[in-house]
PDBML (XML) file of the C-alpha atoms, coordinates in Angstrom:
<?xml version="1.0" encoding="UTF-8" ?>
<PDBx:datablock datablockName="MODEL"
   xmlns:PDBx="http://pdbml.pdb.org/schema/pdbx-v50.xsd"
   xmlns:xsi="http://www.w3.org/2001/XMLSchema-instance"
   xsi:schemaLocation="http://pdbml.pdb.org/schema/pdbx-v50.xsd pdbx-v50.xsd">
   <PDBx:atom_siteCategory>
      <PDBx:atom_site id="1">
         <PDBx:B_iso_or_equiv>0.00</PDBx:B_iso_or_equiv>
         <PDBx:Cartn_x>-84.375</PDBx:Cartn_x>
         <PDBx:Cartn_y>-65.818</PDBx:Cartn_y>
         <PDBx:Cartn_z>-174.685</PDBx:Cartn_z>
         <PDBx:auth_asym_id>A</PDBx:auth_asym_id>
         <PDBx:auth_atom_id>CA</PDBx:auth_atom_id>
         <PDBx:auth_comp_id>GLN</PDBx:auth_comp_id>
         <PDBx:auth_seq_id>1</PDBx:auth_seq_id>
         <PDBx:group_PDB>ATOM</PDBx:group_PDB>
         <PDBx:label_alt_id xsi:nil="true" />
         <PDBx:label_asym_id>A</PDBx:label_asym_id>
         <PDBx:label_atom_id>CA</PDBx:label_atom_id>
         <PDBx:label_comp_id>GLN</PDBx:label_comp_id>
         <PDBx:label_entity_id>1</PDBx:label_entity_id>
         <PDBx:label_seq_id>1</PDBx:label_seq_id>
         <PDBx:occupancy>1.00</PDBx:occupancy>
         <PDBx:pdbx_PDB_model_num>1</PDBx:pdbx_PDB_model_num>
         <PDBx:type_symbol>C</PDBx:type_symbol>
      </PDBx:atom_site>
      <PDBx:atom_site id="2">
         <PDBx:B_iso_or_equiv>0.00</PDBx:B_iso_or_equiv>
         <PDBx:Cartn_x>-85.935</PDBx:Cartn_x>
         <PDBx:Cartn_y>-62.591</PDBx:Cartn_y>
         <PDBx:Cartn_z>-174.442</PDBx:Cartn_z>
         <PDBx:auth_asym_id>A</PDBx:auth_asym_id>
         <PDBx:auth_atom_id>CA</PDBx:auth_atom_id>
         <PDBx:auth_comp_id>ARG</PDBx:auth_comp_id>
         <PDBx:auth_seq_id>2</PDBx:auth_seq_id>
         <PDBx:group_PDB>ATOM</PDBx:group_PDB>
         <PDBx:label_alt_id xsi:nil="true" />
         <PDBx:label_asym_id>A</PDBx:label_asym_id>
         <PDBx:label_atom_id>CA</PDBx:label_atom_id>
         <PDBx:label_comp_id>ARG</PDBx:label_comp_id>
         <PDBx:label_entity_id>1</PDBx:label_entity_id>
         <PDBx:label_seq_id>2</PDBx:label_seq_id>
         <PDBx:occupancy>1.00</PDBx:occupancy>
         <PDBx:pdbx_PDB_model_num>1</PDBx:pdbx_PDB_model_num>
         <PDBx:type_symbol>C</PDBx:type_symbol>
      </PDBx:atom_site>
      <PDBx:atom_site id="3">
         <PDBx:B_iso_or_equiv>0.00</PDBx:B_iso_or_equiv>
         <PDBx:Cartn_x>-84.357</PDBx:Cartn_x>
         <PDBx:Cartn_y>-62.220</PDBx:Cartn_y>
         <PDBx:Cartn_z>-170.723</PDBx:Cartn_z>
         <PDBx:auth_asym_id>A</PDBx:auth_asym_id>
         <PDBx:auth_atom_id>CA</PDBx:auth_atom_id>
         <PDBx:auth_comp_id>LEU</PDBx:auth_comp_id>
         <PDBx:auth_seq_id>3</PDBx:auth_seq_id>
         <PDBx:group_PDB>ATOM</PDBx:group_PDB>
         <PDBx:label_alt_id xsi:nil="true" />
         <PDBx:label_asym_id>A</PDBx:label_asym_id>
         <PDBx:label_atom_id>CA</PDBx:label_atom_id>
         <PDBx:label_comp_id>LEU</PDBx:label_comp_id>
         <PDBx:label_entity_id>1</PDBx:label_entity_id>
         <PDBx:label_seq_id>3</PDBx:label_seq_id>
         <PDBx:occupancy>1.00</PDBx:occupancy>
         <PDBx:pdbx_PDB_model_num>1</PDBx:pdbx_PDB_model_num>
         <PDBx:type_symbol>C</PDBx:type_symbol>
      </PDBx:atom_site>
      <PDBx:atom_site id="4">
         <PDBx:B_iso_or_equiv>0.00</PDBx:B_iso_or_equiv>
         <PDBx:Cartn_x>-81.255</PDBx:Cartn_x>
         <PDBx:Cartn_y>-63.506</PDBx:Cartn_y>
         <PDBx:Cartn_z>-172.185</PDBx:Cartn_z>
         <PDBx:auth_asym_id>A</PDBx:auth_asym_id>
         <PDBx:auth_atom_id>CA</PDBx:auth_atom_id>
         <PDBx:auth_comp_id>ARG</PDBx:auth_comp_id>
         <PDBx:auth_seq_id>4</PDBx:auth_seq_id>
         <PDBx:group_PDB>ATOM</PDBx:group_PDB>
         <PDBx:label_alt_id xsi:nil="true" />
         <PDBx:label_asym_id>A</PDBx:label_asym_id>
         <PDBx:label_atom_id>CA</PDBx:label_atom_id>
         <PDBx:label_comp_id>ARG</PDBx:label_comp_id>
         <PDBx:label_entity_id>1</PDBx:label_entity_id>
         <PDBx:label_seq_id>4</PDBx:label_seq_id>
         <PDBx:occupancy>1.00</PDBx:occupancy>
         <PDBx:pdbx_PDB_model_num>1</PDBx:pdbx_PDB_model_num>
         <PDBx:type_symbol>C</PDBx:type_symbol>
      </PDBx:atom_site>
      <PDBx:atom_site id="5">
         <PDBx:B_iso_or_equiv>0.00</PDBx:B_iso_or_equiv>
         <PDBx:Cartn_x>-81.076</PDBx:Cartn_x>
         <PDBx:Cartn_y>-60.838</PDBx:Cartn_y>
         <PDBx:Cartn_z>-175.185</PDBx:Cartn_z>
         <PDBx:auth_asym_id>A</PDBx:auth_asym_id>
         <PDBx:auth_atom_id>CA</PDBx:auth_atom_id>
         <PDBx:auth_comp_id>LYS</PDBx:auth_comp_id>
         <PDBx:auth_seq_id>5</PDBx:auth_seq_id>
         <PDBx:group_PDB>ATOM</PDBx:group_PDB>
         <PDBx:label_alt_id xsi:nil="true" />
         <PDBx:label_asym_id>A</PDBx:label_asym_id>
         <PDBx:label_atom_id>CA</PDBx:label_atom_id>
         <PDBx:label_comp_id>LYS</PDBx:label_comp_id>
         <PDBx:label_entity_id>1</PDBx:label_entity_id>
         <PDBx:label_seq_id>5</PDBx:label_seq_id>
         <PDBx:occupancy>1.00</PDBx:occupancy>
         <PDBx:pdbx_PDB_model_num>1</PDBx:pdbx_PDB_model_num>
         <PDBx:type_symbol>C</PDBx:type_symbol>
      </PDBx:atom_site>
      <PDBx:atom_site id="6">
         <PDBx:B_iso_or_equiv>0.00</PDBx:B_iso_or_equiv>
         <PDBx:Cartn_x>-82.125</PDBx:Cartn_x>
         <PDBx:Cartn_y>-58.319</PDBx:Cartn_y>
         <PDBx:Cartn_z>-172.765</PDBx:Cartn_z>
         <PDBx:auth_asym_id>A</PDBx:auth_asym_id>
         <PDBx:auth_atom_id>CA</PDBx:auth_atom_id>
         <PDBx:auth_comp_id>ARG</PDBx:auth_comp_id>
         <PDBx:auth_seq_id>6</PDBx:auth_seq_id>
         <PDBx:group_PDB>ATOM</PDBx:group_PDB>
         <PDBx:label_alt_id xsi:nil="true" />
         <PDBx:label_asym_id>A</PDBx:label_asym_id>
         <PDBx:label_atom_id>CA</PDBx:label_atom_id>
         <PDBx:label_comp_id>ARG</PDBx:label_comp_id>
         <PDBx:label_entity_id>1</PDBx:label_entity_id>
         <PDBx:label_seq_id>6</PDBx:label_seq_id>
         <PDBx:occupancy>1.00</PDBx:occupancy>
         <PDBx:pdbx_PDB_model_num>1</PDBx:pdbx_PDB_model_num>
         <PDBx:type_symbol>C</PDBx:type_symbol>
      </PDBx:atom_site>
      <PDBx:atom_site id="7">
         <PDBx:B_iso_or_equiv>0.00</PDBx:B_iso_or_equiv>
         <PDBx:Cartn_x>-78.693</PDBx:Cartn_x>
         <PDBx:Cartn_y>-59.146</PDBx:Cartn_y>
         <PDBx:Cartn_z>-170.598</PDBx:Cartn_z>
         <PDBx:auth_asym_id>A</PDBx:auth_asym_id>
         <PDBx:auth_atom_id>CA</PDBx:auth_atom_id>
         <PDBx:auth_comp_id>ASN</PDBx:auth_comp_id>
         <PDBx:auth_seq_id>7</PDBx:auth_seq_id>
         <PDBx:group_PDB>ATOM</PDBx:group_PDB>
         <PDBx:label_alt_id xsi:nil="true" />
         <PDBx:label_asym_id>A</PDBx:label_asym_id>
         <PDBx:label_atom_id>CA</PDBx:label_atom_id>
         <PDBx:label_comp_id>ASN</PDBx:label_comp_id>
         <PDBx:label_entity_id>1</PDBx:label_entity_id>
         <PDBx:label_seq_id>7</PDBx:label_seq_id>
         <PDBx:occupancy>1.00</PDBx:occupancy>
         <PDBx:pdbx_PDB_model_num>1</PDBx:pdbx_PDB_model_num>
         <PDBx:type_symbol>C</PDBx:type_symbol>
      </PDBx:atom_site>
      <PDBx:atom_site id="8">
         <PDBx:B_iso_or_equiv>0.00</PDBx:B_iso_or_equiv>
         <PDBx:Cartn_x>-76.544</PDBx:Cartn_x>
         <PDBx:Cartn_y>-59.321</PDBx:Cartn_y>
         <PDBx:Cartn_z>-173.390</PDBx:Cartn_z>
         <PDBx:auth_asym_id>A</PDBx:auth_asym_id>
         <PDBx:auth_atom_id>CA</PDBx:auth_atom_id>
         <PDBx:auth_comp_id>GLN</PDBx:auth_comp_id>
         <PDBx:auth_seq_id>8</PDBx:auth_seq_id>
         <PDBx:group_PDB>ATOM</PDBx:group_PDB>
         <PDBx:label_alt_id xsi:nil="true" />
         <PDBx:label_asym_id>A</PDBx:label_asym_id>
         <PDBx:label_atom_id>CA</PDBx:label_atom_id>
         <PDBx:label_comp_id>GLN</PDBx:label_comp_id>
         <PDBx:label_entity_id>1</PDBx:label_entity_id>
         <PDBx:label_seq_id>8</PDBx:label_seq_id>
         <PDBx:occupancy>1.00</PDBx:occupancy>
         <PDBx:pdbx_PDB_model_num>1</PDBx:pdbx_PDB_model_num>
         <PDBx:type_symbol>C</PDBx:type_symbol>
      </PDBx:atom_site>
      <PDBx:atom_site id="9">
         <PDBx:B_iso_or_equiv>0.00</PDBx:B_iso_or_equiv>
         <PDBx:Cartn_x>-77.748</PDBx:Cartn_x>
         <PDBx:Cartn_y>-55.824</PDBx:Cartn_y>
         <PDBx:Cartn_z>-174.381</PDBx:Cartn_z>
         <PDBx:auth_asym_id>A</PDBx:auth_asym_id>
         <PDBx:auth_atom_id>CA</PDBx:auth_atom_id>
         <PDBx:auth_comp_id>GLN</PDBx:auth_comp_id>
         <PDBx:auth_seq_id>9</PDBx:auth_seq_id>
         <PDBx:group_PDB>ATOM</PDBx:group_PDB>
         <PDBx:label_alt_id xsi:nil="true" />
         <PDBx:label_asym_id>A</PDBx:label_asym_id>
         <PDBx:label_atom_id>CA</PDBx:label_atom_id>
         <PDBx:label_comp_id>GLN</PDBx:label_comp_id>
         <PDBx:label_entity_id>1</PDBx:label_entity_id>
         <PDBx:label_seq_id>9</PDBx:label_seq_id>
         <PDBx:occupancy>1.00</PDBx:occupancy>
         <PDBx:pdbx_PDB_model_num>1</PDBx:pdbx_PDB_model_num>
         <PDBx:type_symbol>C</PDBx:type_symbol>
      </PDBx:atom_site>
      <PDBx:atom_site id="10">
         <PDBx:B_iso_or_equiv>0.00</PDBx:B_iso_or_equiv>
         <PDBx:Cartn_x>-77.462</PDBx:Cartn_x>
         <PDBx:Cartn_y>-54.428</PDBx:Cartn_y>
         <PDBx:Cartn_z>-170.828</PDBx:Cartn_z>
         <PDBx:auth_asym_id>A</PDBx:auth_asym_id>
         <PDBx:auth_atom_id>CA</PDBx:auth_atom_id>
         <PDBx:auth_comp_id>LEU</PDBx:auth_comp_id>
         <PDBx:auth_seq_id>10</PDBx:auth_seq_id>
         <PDBx:group_PDB>ATOM</PDBx:group_PDB>
         <PDBx:label_alt_id xsi:nil="true" />
         <PDBx:label_asym_id>A</PDBx:label_asym_id>
         <PDBx:label_atom_id>CA</PDBx:label_atom_id>
         <PDBx:label_comp_id>LEU</PDBx:label_comp_id>
         <PDBx:label_entity_id>1</PDBx:label_entity_id>
         <PDBx:label_seq_id>10</PDBx:label_seq_id>
         <PDBx:occupancy>1.00</PDBx:occupancy>
         <PDBx:pdbx_PDB_model_num>1</PDBx:pdbx_PDB_model_num>
         <PDBx:type_symbol>C</PDBx:type_symbol>
      </PDBx:atom_site>
      <PDBx:atom_site id="11">
         <PDBx:B_iso_or_equiv>0.00</PDBx:B_iso_or_equiv>
         <PDBx:Cartn_x>-73.953</PDBx:Cartn_x>
         <PDBx:Cartn_y>-55.974</PDBx:Cartn_y>
         <PDBx:Cartn_z>-170.233</PDBx:Cartn_z>
         <PDBx:auth_asym_id>A</PDBx:auth_asym_id>
         <PDBx:auth_atom_id>CA</PDBx:auth_atom_id>
         <PDBx:auth_comp_id>GLU</PDBx:auth_comp_id>
         <PDBx:auth_seq_id>11</PDBx:auth_seq_id>
         <PDBx:group_PDB>ATOM</PDBx:group_PDB>
         <PDBx:label_alt_id xsi:nil="true" />
         <PDBx:label_asym_id>A</PDBx:label_asym_id>
         <PDBx:label_atom_id>CA</PDBx:label_atom_id>
         <PDBx:label_comp_id>GLU</PDBx:label_comp_id>
         <PDBx:label_entity_id>1</PDBx:label_entity_id>
         <PDBx:label_seq_id>11</PDBx:label_seq_id>
         <PDBx:occupancy>1.00</PDBx:occupancy>
         <PDBx:pdbx_PDB_model_num>1</PDBx:pdbx_PDB_model_num>
         <PDBx:type_symbol>C</PDBx:type_symbol>
      </PDBx:atom_site>
      <PDBx:atom_site id="12">
         <PDBx:B_iso_or_equiv>0.00</PDBx:B_iso_or_equiv>
         <PDBx:Cartn_x>-72.835</PDBx:Cartn_x>
         <PDBx:Cartn_y>-54.073</PDBx:Cartn_y>
         <PDBx:Cartn_z>-173.801</PDBx:Cartn_z>
         <PDBx:auth_asym_id>A</PDBx:auth_asym_id>
         <PDBx:auth_atom_id>CA</PDBx:auth_atom_id>
         <PDBx:auth_comp_id>GLU</PDBx:auth_comp_id>
         <PDBx:auth_seq_id>12</PDBx:auth_seq_id>
         <PDBx:group_PDB>ATOM</PDBx:group_PDB>
         <PDBx:label_alt_id xsi:nil="true" />
         <PDBx:label_asym_id>A</PDBx:label_asym_id>
         <PDBx:label_atom_id>CA</PDBx:label_atom_id>
         <PDBx:label_comp_id>GLU</PDBx:label_comp_id>
         <PDBx:label_entity_id>1</PDBx:label_entity_id>
         <PDBx:label_seq_id>12</PDBx:label_seq_id>
         <PDBx:occupancy>1.00</PDBx:occupancy>
         <PDBx:pdbx_PDB_model_num>1</PDBx:pdbx_PDB_model_num>
         <PDBx:type_symbol>C</PDBx:type_symbol>
      </PDBx:atom_site>
      <PDBx:atom_site id="13">
         <PDBx:B_iso_or_equiv>0.00</PDBx:B_iso_or_equiv>
         <PDBx:Cartn_x>-73.911</PDBx:Cartn_x>
         <PDBx:Cartn_y>-51.041</PDBx:Cartn_y>
         <PDBx:Cartn_z>-172.261</PDBx:Cartn_z>
         <PDBx:auth_asym_id>A</PDBx:auth_asym_id>
         <PDBx:auth_atom_id>CA</PDBx:auth_atom_id>
         <PDBx:auth_comp_id>GLU</PDBx:auth_comp_id>
         <PDBx:auth_seq_id>13</PDBx:auth_seq_id>
         <PDBx:group_PDB>ATOM</PDBx:group_PDB>
         <PDBx:label_alt_id xsi:nil="true" />
         <PDBx:label_asym_id>A</PDBx:label_asym_id>
         <PDBx:label_atom_id>CA</PDBx:label_atom_id>
         <PDBx:label_comp_id>GLU</PDBx:label_comp_id>
         <PDBx:label_entity_id>1</PDBx:label_entity_id>
         <PDBx:label_seq_id>13</PDBx:label_seq_id>
         <PDBx:occupancy>1.00</PDBx:occupancy>
         <PDBx:pdbx_PDB_model_num>1</PDBx:pdbx_PDB_model_num>
         <PDBx:type_symbol>C</PDBx:type_symbol>
      </PDBx:atom_site>
      <PDBx:atom_site id="14">
         <PDBx:B_iso_or_equiv>0.00</PDBx:B_iso_or_equiv>
         <PDBx:Cartn_x>-72.174</PDBx:Cartn_x>
         <PDBx:Cartn_y>-51.521</PDBx:Cartn_y>
         <PDBx:Cartn_z>-168.766</PDBx:Cartn_z>
         <PDBx:auth_asym_id>A</PDBx:auth_asym_id>
         <PDBx:auth_atom_id>CA</PDBx:auth_atom_id>
         <PDBx:auth_comp_id>ASN</PDBx:auth_comp_id>
         <PDBx:auth_seq_id>14</PDBx:auth_seq_id>
         <PDBx:group_PDB>ATOM</PDBx:group_PDB>
         <PDBx:label_alt_id xsi:nil="true" />
         <PDBx:label_asym_id>A</PDBx:label_asym_id>
         <PDBx:label_atom_id>CA</PDBx:label_atom_id>
         <PDBx:label_comp_id>ASN</PDBx:label_comp_id>
         <PDBx:label_entity_id>1</PDBx:label_entity_id>
         <PDBx:label_seq_id>14</PDBx:label_seq_id>
         <PDBx:occupancy>1.00</PDBx:occupancy>
         <PDBx:pdbx_PDB_model_num>1</PDBx:pdbx_PDB_model_num>
         <PDBx:type_symbol>C</PDBx:type_symbol>
      </PDBx:atom_site>
      <PDBx:atom_site id="15">
         <PDBx:B_iso_or_equiv>0.00</PDBx:B_iso_or_equiv>
         <PDBx:Cartn_x>-68.848</PDBx:Cartn_x>
         <PDBx:Cartn_y>-52.354</PDBx:Cartn_y>
         <PDBx:Cartn_z>-171.237</PDBx:Cartn_z>
         <PDBx:auth_asym_id>A</PDBx:auth_asym_id>
         <PDBx:auth_atom_id>CA</PDBx:auth_atom_id>
         <PDBx:auth_comp_id>ASN</PDBx:auth_comp_id>
         <PDBx:auth_seq_id>15</PDBx:auth_seq_id>
         <PDBx:group_PDB>ATOM</PDBx:group_PDB>
         <PDBx:label_alt_id xsi:nil="true" />
         <PDBx:label_asym_id>A</PDBx:label_asym_id>
         <PDBx:label_atom_id>CA</PDBx:label_atom_id>
         <PDBx:label_comp_id>ASN</PDBx:label_comp_id>
         <PDBx:label_entity_id>1</PDBx:label_entity_id>
         <PDBx:label_seq_id>15</PDBx:label_seq_id>
         <PDBx:occupancy>1.00</PDBx:occupancy>
         <PDBx:pdbx_PDB_model_num>1</PDBx:pdbx_PDB_model_num>
         <PDBx:type_symbol>C</PDBx:type_symbol>
      </PDBx:atom_site>
      <PDBx:atom_site id="16">
         <PDBx:B_iso_or_equiv>0.00</PDBx:B_iso_or_equiv>
         <PDBx:Cartn_x>-69.490</PDBx:Cartn_x>
         <PDBx:Cartn_y>-48.584</PDBx:Cartn_y>
         <PDBx:Cartn_z>-172.931</PDBx:Cartn_z>
         <PDBx:auth_asym_id>A</PDBx:auth_asym_id>
         <PDBx:auth_atom_id>CA</PDBx:auth_atom_id>
         <PDBx:auth_comp_id>LEU</PDBx:auth_comp_id>
         <PDBx:auth_seq_id>16</PDBx:auth_seq_id>
         <PDBx:group_PDB>ATOM</PDBx:group_PDB>
         <PDBx:label_alt_id xsi:nil="true" />
         <PDBx:label_asym_id>A</PDBx:label_asym_id>
         <PDBx:label_atom_id>CA</PDBx:label_atom_id>
         <PDBx:label_comp_id>LEU</PDBx:label_comp_id>
         <PDBx:label_entity_id>1</PDBx:label_entity_id>
         <PDBx:label_seq_id>16</PDBx:label_seq_id>
         <PDBx:occupancy>1.00</PDBx:occupancy>
         <PDBx:pdbx_PDB_model_num>1</PDBx:pdbx_PDB_model_num>
         <PDBx:type_symbol>C</PDBx:type_symbol>
      </PDBx:atom_site>
      <PDBx:atom_site id="17">
         <PDBx:B_iso_or_equiv>0.00</PDBx:B_iso_or_equiv>
         <PDBx:Cartn_x>-70.037</PDBx:Cartn_x>
         <PDBx:Cartn_y>-47.138</PDBx:Cartn_y>
         <PDBx:Cartn_z>-169.861</PDBx:Cartn_z>
         <PDBx:auth_asym_id>A</PDBx:auth_asym_id>
         <PDBx:auth_atom_id>CA</PDBx:auth_atom_id>
         <PDBx:auth_comp_id>LEU</PDBx:auth_comp_id>
         <PDBx:auth_seq_id>17</PDBx:auth_seq_id>
         <PDBx:group_PDB>ATOM</PDBx:group_PDB>
         <PDBx:label_alt_id xsi:nil="true" />
         <PDBx:label_asym_id>A</PDBx:label_asym_id>
         <PDBx:label_atom_id>CA</PDBx:label_atom_id>
         <PDBx:label_comp_id>LEU</PDBx:label_comp_id>
         <PDBx:label_entity_id>1</PDBx:label_entity_id>
         <PDBx:label_seq_id>17</PDBx:label_seq_id>
         <PDBx:occupancy>1.00</PDBx:occupancy>
         <PDBx:pdbx_PDB_model_num>1</PDBx:pdbx_PDB_model_num>
         <PDBx:type_symbol>C</PDBx:type_symbol>
      </PDBx:atom_site>
      <PDBx:atom_site id="18">
         <PDBx:B_iso_or_equiv>0.00</PDBx:B_iso_or_equiv>
         <PDBx:Cartn_x>-67.485</PDBx:Cartn_x>
         <PDBx:Cartn_y>-48.437</PDBx:Cartn_y>
         <PDBx:Cartn_z>-168.187</PDBx:Cartn_z>
         <PDBx:auth_asym_id>A</PDBx:auth_asym_id>
         <PDBx:auth_atom_id>CA</PDBx:auth_atom_id>
         <PDBx:auth_comp_id>ARG</PDBx:auth_comp_id>
         <PDBx:auth_seq_id>18</PDBx:auth_seq_id>
         <PDBx:group_PDB>ATOM</PDBx:group_PDB>
         <PDBx:label_alt_id xsi:nil="true" />
         <PDBx:label_asym_id>A</PDBx:label_asym_id>
         <PDBx:label_atom_id>CA</PDBx:label_atom_id>
         <PDBx:label_comp_id>ARG</PDBx:label_comp_id>
         <PDBx:label_entity_id>1</PDBx:label_entity_id>
         <PDBx:label_seq_id>18</PDBx:label_seq_id>
         <PDBx:occupancy>1.00</PDBx:occupancy>
         <PDBx:pdbx_PDB_model_num>1</PDBx:pdbx_PDB_model_num>
         <PDBx:type_symbol>C</PDBx:type_symbol>
      </PDBx:atom_site>
      <PDBx:atom_site id="19">
         <PDBx:B_iso_or_equiv>0.00</PDBx:B_iso_or_equiv>
         <PDBx:Cartn_x>-65.344</PDBx:Cartn_x>
         <PDBx:Cartn_y>-47.125</PDBx:Cartn_y>
         <PDBx:Cartn_z>-171.569</PDBx:Cartn_z>
         <PDBx:auth_asym_id>A</PDBx:auth_asym_id>
         <PDBx:auth_atom_id>CA</PDBx:auth_atom_id>
         <PDBx:auth_comp_id>LEU</PDBx:auth_comp_id>
         <PDBx:auth_seq_id>19</PDBx:auth_seq_id>
         <PDBx:group_PDB>ATOM</PDBx:group_PDB>
         <PDBx:label_alt_id xsi:nil="true" />
         <PDBx:label_asym_id>A</PDBx:label_asym_id>
         <PDBx:label_atom_id>CA</PDBx:label_atom_id>
         <PDBx:label_comp_id>LEU</PDBx:label_comp_id>
         <PDBx:label_entity_id>1</PDBx:label_entity_id>
         <PDBx:label_seq_id>19</PDBx:label_seq_id>
         <PDBx:occupancy>1.00</PDBx:occupancy>
         <PDBx:pdbx_PDB_model_num>1</PDBx:pdbx_PDB_model_num>
         <PDBx:type_symbol>C</PDBx:type_symbol>
      </PDBx:atom_site>
      <PDBx:atom_site id="20">
         <PDBx:B_iso_or_equiv>0.00</PDBx:B_iso_or_equiv>
         <PDBx:Cartn_x>-66.541</PDBx:Cartn_x>
         <PDBx:Cartn_y>-44.014</PDBx:Cartn_y>
         <PDBx:Cartn_z>-171.187</PDBx:Cartn_z>
         <PDBx:auth_asym_id>A</PDBx:auth_asym_id>
         <PDBx:auth_atom_id>CA</PDBx:auth_atom_id>
         <PDBx:auth_comp_id>LYS</PDBx:auth_comp_id>
         <PDBx:auth_seq_id>20</PDBx:auth_seq_id>
         <PDBx:group_PDB>ATOM</PDBx:group_PDB>
         <PDBx:label_alt_id xsi:nil="true" />
         <PDBx:label_asym_id>A</PDBx:label_asym_id>
         <PDBx:label_atom_id>CA</PDBx:label_atom_id>
         <PDBx:label_comp_id>LYS</PDBx:label_comp_id>
         <PDBx:label_entity_id>1</PDBx:label_entity_id>
         <PDBx:label_seq_id>20</PDBx:label_seq_id>
         <PDBx:occupancy>1.00</PDBx:occupancy>
         <PDBx:pdbx_PDB_model_num>1</PDBx:pdbx_PDB_model_num>
         <PDBx:type_symbol>C</PDBx:type_symbol>
      </PDBx:atom_site>
      <PDBx:atom_site id="21">
         <PDBx:B_iso_or_equiv>0.00</PDBx:B_iso_or_equiv>
         <PDBx:Cartn_x>-66.217</PDBx:Cartn_x>
         <PDBx:Cartn_y>-43.396</PDBx:Cartn_y>
         <PDBx:Cartn_z>-167.530</PDBx:Cartn_z>
         <PDBx:auth_asym_id>A</PDBx:auth_asym_id>
         <PDBx:auth_atom_id>CA</PDBx:auth_atom_id>
         <PDBx:auth_comp_id>ILE</PDBx:auth_comp_id>
         <PDBx:auth_seq_id>21</PDBx:auth_seq_id>
         <PDBx:group_PDB>ATOM</PDBx:group_PDB>
         <PDBx:label_alt_id xsi:nil="true" />
         <PDBx:label_asym_id>A</PDBx:label_asym_id>
         <PDBx:label_atom_id>CA</PDBx:label_atom_id>
         <PDBx:label_comp_id>ILE</PDBx:label_comp_id>
         <PDBx:label_entity_id>1</PDBx:label_entity_id>
         <PDBx:label_seq_id>21</PDBx:label_seq_id>
         <PDBx:occupancy>1.00</PDBx:occupancy>
         <PDBx:pdbx_PDB_model_num>1</PDBx:pdbx_PDB_model_num>
         <PDBx:type_symbol>C</PDBx:type_symbol>
      </PDBx:atom_site>
      <PDBx:atom_site id="22">
         <PDBx:B_iso_or_equiv>0.00</PDBx:B_iso_or_equiv>
         <PDBx:Cartn_x>-62.668</PDBx:Cartn_x>
         <PDBx:Cartn_y>-44.466</PDBx:Cartn_y>
         <PDBx:Cartn_z>-168.721</PDBx:Cartn_z>
         <PDBx:auth_asym_id>A</PDBx:auth_asym_id>
         <PDBx:auth_atom_id>CA</PDBx:auth_atom_id>
         <PDBx:auth_comp_id>ASP</PDBx:auth_comp_id>
         <PDBx:auth_seq_id>22</PDBx:auth_seq_id>
         <PDBx:group_PDB>ATOM</PDBx:group_PDB>
         <PDBx:label_alt_id xsi:nil="true" />
         <PDBx:label_asym_id>A</PDBx:label_asym_id>
         <PDBx:label_atom_id>CA</PDBx:label_atom_id>
         <PDBx:label_comp_id>ASP</PDBx:label_comp_id>
         <PDBx:label_entity_id>1</PDBx:label_entity_id>
         <PDBx:label_seq_id>22</PDBx:label_seq_id>
         <PDBx:occupancy>1.00</PDBx:occupancy>
         <PDBx:pdbx_PDB_model_num>1</PDBx:pdbx_PDB_model_num>
         <PDBx:type_symbol>C</PDBx:type_symbol>
      </PDBx:atom_site>
      <PDBx:atom_site id="23">
         <PDBx:B_iso_or_equiv>0.00</PDBx:B_iso_or_equiv>
         <PDBx:Cartn_x>-61.586</PDBx:Cartn_x>
         <PDBx:Cartn_y>-42.573</PDBx:Cartn_y>
         <PDBx:Cartn_z>-170.828</PDBx:Cartn_z>
         <PDBx:auth_asym_id>A</PDBx:auth_asym_id>
         <PDBx:auth_atom_id>CA</PDBx:auth_atom_id>
         <PDBx:auth_comp_id>ILE</PDBx:auth_comp_id>
         <PDBx:auth_seq_id>23</PDBx:auth_seq_id>
         <PDBx:group_PDB>ATOM</PDBx:group_PDB>
         <PDBx:label_alt_id xsi:nil="true" />
         <PDBx:label_asym_id>A</PDBx:label_asym_id>
         <PDBx:label_atom_id>CA</PDBx:label_atom_id>
         <PDBx:label_comp_id>ILE</PDBx:label_comp_id>
         <PDBx:label_entity_id>1</PDBx:label_entity_id>
         <PDBx:label_seq_id>23</PDBx:label_seq_id>
         <PDBx:occupancy>1.00</PDBx:occupancy>
         <PDBx:pdbx_PDB_model_num>1</PDBx:pdbx_PDB_model_num>
         <PDBx:type_symbol>C</PDBx:type_symbol>
      </PDBx:atom_site>
      <PDBx:atom_site id="24">
         <PDBx:B_iso_or_equiv>0.00</PDBx:B_iso_or_equiv>
         <PDBx:Cartn_x>-63.590</PDBx:Cartn_x>
         <PDBx:Cartn_y>-39.216</PDBx:Cartn_y>
         <PDBx:Cartn_z>-168.788</PDBx:Cartn_z>
         <PDBx:auth_asym_id>A</PDBx:auth_asym_id>
         <PDBx:auth_atom_id>CA</PDBx:auth_atom_id>
         <PDBx:auth_comp_id>LEU</PDBx:auth_comp_id>
         <PDBx:auth_seq_id>24</PDBx:auth_seq_id>
         <PDBx:group_PDB>ATOM</PDBx:group_PDB>
         <PDBx:label_alt_id xsi:nil="true" />
         <PDBx:label_asym_id>A</PDBx:label_asym_id>
         <PDBx:label_atom_id>CA</PDBx:label_atom_id>
         <PDBx:label_comp_id>LEU</PDBx:label_comp_id>
         <PDBx:label_entity_id>1</PDBx:label_entity_id>
         <PDBx:label_seq_id>24</PDBx:label_seq_id>
         <PDBx:occupancy>1.00</PDBx:occupancy>
         <PDBx:pdbx_PDB_model_num>1</PDBx:pdbx_PDB_model_num>
         <PDBx:type_symbol>C</PDBx:type_symbol>
      </PDBx:atom_site>
      <PDBx:atom_site id="25">
         <PDBx:B_iso_or_equiv>0.00</PDBx:B_iso_or_equiv>
         <PDBx:Cartn_x>-60.966</PDBx:Cartn_x>
         <PDBx:Cartn_y>-40.251</PDBx:Cartn_y>
         <PDBx:Cartn_z>-165.228</PDBx:Cartn_z>
         <PDBx:auth_asym_id>A</PDBx:auth_asym_id>
         <PDBx:auth_atom_id>CA</PDBx:auth_atom_id>
         <PDBx:auth_comp_id>LEU</PDBx:auth_comp_id>
         <PDBx:auth_seq_id>25</PDBx:auth_seq_id>
         <PDBx:group_PDB>ATOM</PDBx:group_PDB>
         <PDBx:label_alt_id xsi:nil="true" />
         <PDBx:label_asym_id>A</PDBx:label_asym_id>
         <PDBx:label_atom_id>CA</PDBx:label_atom_id>
         <PDBx:label_comp_id>LEU</PDBx:label_comp_id>
         <PDBx:label_entity_id>1</PDBx:label_entity_id>
         <PDBx:label_seq_id>25</PDBx:label_seq_id>
         <PDBx:occupancy>1.00</PDBx:occupancy>
         <PDBx:pdbx_PDB_model_num>1</PDBx:pdbx_PDB_model_num>
         <PDBx:type_symbol>C</PDBx:type_symbol>
      </PDBx:atom_site>
   </PDBx:atom_siteCategory>
</PDBx:datablock>
């Protein structure tokens, strides 16, 4: 459960960073 929660957090952070990269480009 802890690993799944951490995985979910990392996926959300990854999506946010991809969005920021798109905006910067």
